[in-house]
Amino acid sequence: MIEKHVIDALDVETTLLAQSEQEARDLGIQMMRSFGFKDVDVVFVEHNGFAARIRLRAYIYRPGDQYDWVDGSDGK
């Protein structure tokens, strides 16, 4: 799984066809969750009428989390 190779977070920037900013947010979060990520935030969204440019962040570890790889665990 990719999560074992990411230290903090994974950012994805793309363009989604959406009728509103809220629809783009919902689609983006749904897309990231379909990839298996549980902790997802919308970092940036800009709707331009028929599509939205969006940047999403999937957190593997948030600041202050205990890194499993430090103590030799198999992962989160």
Protein backbone atom coordinates (compact mmCIF):
# COMPACT_ATOMS: atom_id res chain seq x y z
CA MET A 1 0.00 0.00 0.00
CA ILE A 2 1.21 3.51 -0.81
CA GLU A 3 0.62 4.58 2.81
CA LYS A 4 3.78 2.74 3.90
CA HIS A 5 5.86 5.00 1.64
CA VAL A 6 4.34 8.42 2.46
CA ILE A 7 5.68 10.21 5.52
CA ASP A 8 3.02 12.88 6.09
CA ALA A 9 0.47 13.55 3.37
CA LEU A 10 -0.29 13.18 -0.31
CA ASP A 11 -1.54 16.14 -2.36
CA VAL A 12 -3.52 15.70 -5.57
CA GLU A 13 -4.39 18.62 -7.83
CA THR A 14 -6.84 18.10 -10.69
CA THR A 15 -9.80 19.57 -12.55
CA LEU A 16 -13.26 18.15 -11.98
CA LEU A 17 -16.41 18.81 -13.99
CA ALA A 18 -18.82 20.26 -11.43
CA GLN A 19 -21.79 22.61 -11.36
CA SER A 20 -20.68 24.30 -8.13
CA GLU A 21 -17.79 24.62 -5.72
CA GLN A 22 -19.60 22.42 -3.20
CA GLU A 23 -20.13 19.68 -5.78
CA ALA A 24 -16.41 19.79 -6.62
CA ARG A 25 -15.54 19.47 -2.90
CA ASP A 26 -17.87 16.50 -2.50
CA LEU A 27 -16.57 14.79 -5.65
CA GLY A 28 -12.95 15.37 -4.66
CA ILE A 29 -13.39 13.93 -1.18
CA GLN A 30 -15.33 10.99 -2.58
CA MET A 31 -12.55 10.36 -5.12
CA MET A 32 -9.80 10.35 -2.48
CA ARG A 33 -11.82 8.06 -0.21
CA SER A 34 -12.33 5.68 -3.15
CA PHE A 35 -8.51 5.46 -3.30
CA GLY A 36 -8.57 4.20 0.30
CA PHE A 37 -7.66 7.40 2.16
CA LYS A 38 -9.70 8.10 5.30
CA ASP A 39 -8.42 11.53 6.38
CA VAL A 40 -8.93 13.99 3.50
CA ASP A 41 -9.08 17.80 3.32
CA VAL A 42 -9.81 20.21 0.48
CA VAL A 43 -6.85 22.58 0.39
CA PHE A 44 -7.97 24.76 -2.54
CA VAL A 45 -10.92 24.94 -4.92
CA GLU A 46 -11.67 27.43 -7.70
CA HIS A 47 -14.91 27.00 -9.65
CA ASN A 48 -15.10 28.62 -13.10
CA GLY A 49 -18.61 27.90 -14.33
CA PHE A 50 -18.47 24.31 -15.58
CA ALA A 51 -15.41 22.88 -13.85
CA ALA A 52 -13.32 23.36 -10.74
CA ARG A 53 -9.60 23.30 -10.15
CA ILE A 54 -9.13 21.52 -6.84
CA ARG A 55 -6.25 20.48 -4.57
CA LEU A 56 -6.90 17.68 -2.09
CA ARG A 57 -4.69 16.44 0.74
CA ALA A 58 -4.86 12.90 2.10
CA TYR A 59 -3.16 12.69 5.48
CA ILE A 60 -1.28 9.56 6.40
CA TYR A 61 0.11 11.22 9.53
CA ARG A 62 -0.99 14.61 10.84
CA PRO A 63 1.46 16.79 12.77
CA GLY A 64 1.92 15.30 16.23
CA ASP A 65 0.87 11.77 15.23
CA GLN A 66 3.05 8.85 16.29
CA TYR A 67 5.02 7.56 13.30
CA ASP A 68 4.71 3.77 13.21
CA TRP A 69 7.94 3.35 11.29
CA VAL A 70 9.92 4.99 14.12
CA ASP A 71 9.16 2.19 16.58
CA GLY A 72 9.28 -0.59 13.96
CA SER A 73 5.52 -1.18 13.61
CA ASP A 74 4.09 -2.37 10.30
CA GLY A 75 2.18 0.82 9.56
CA LYS A 76 -0.98 2.66 10.37
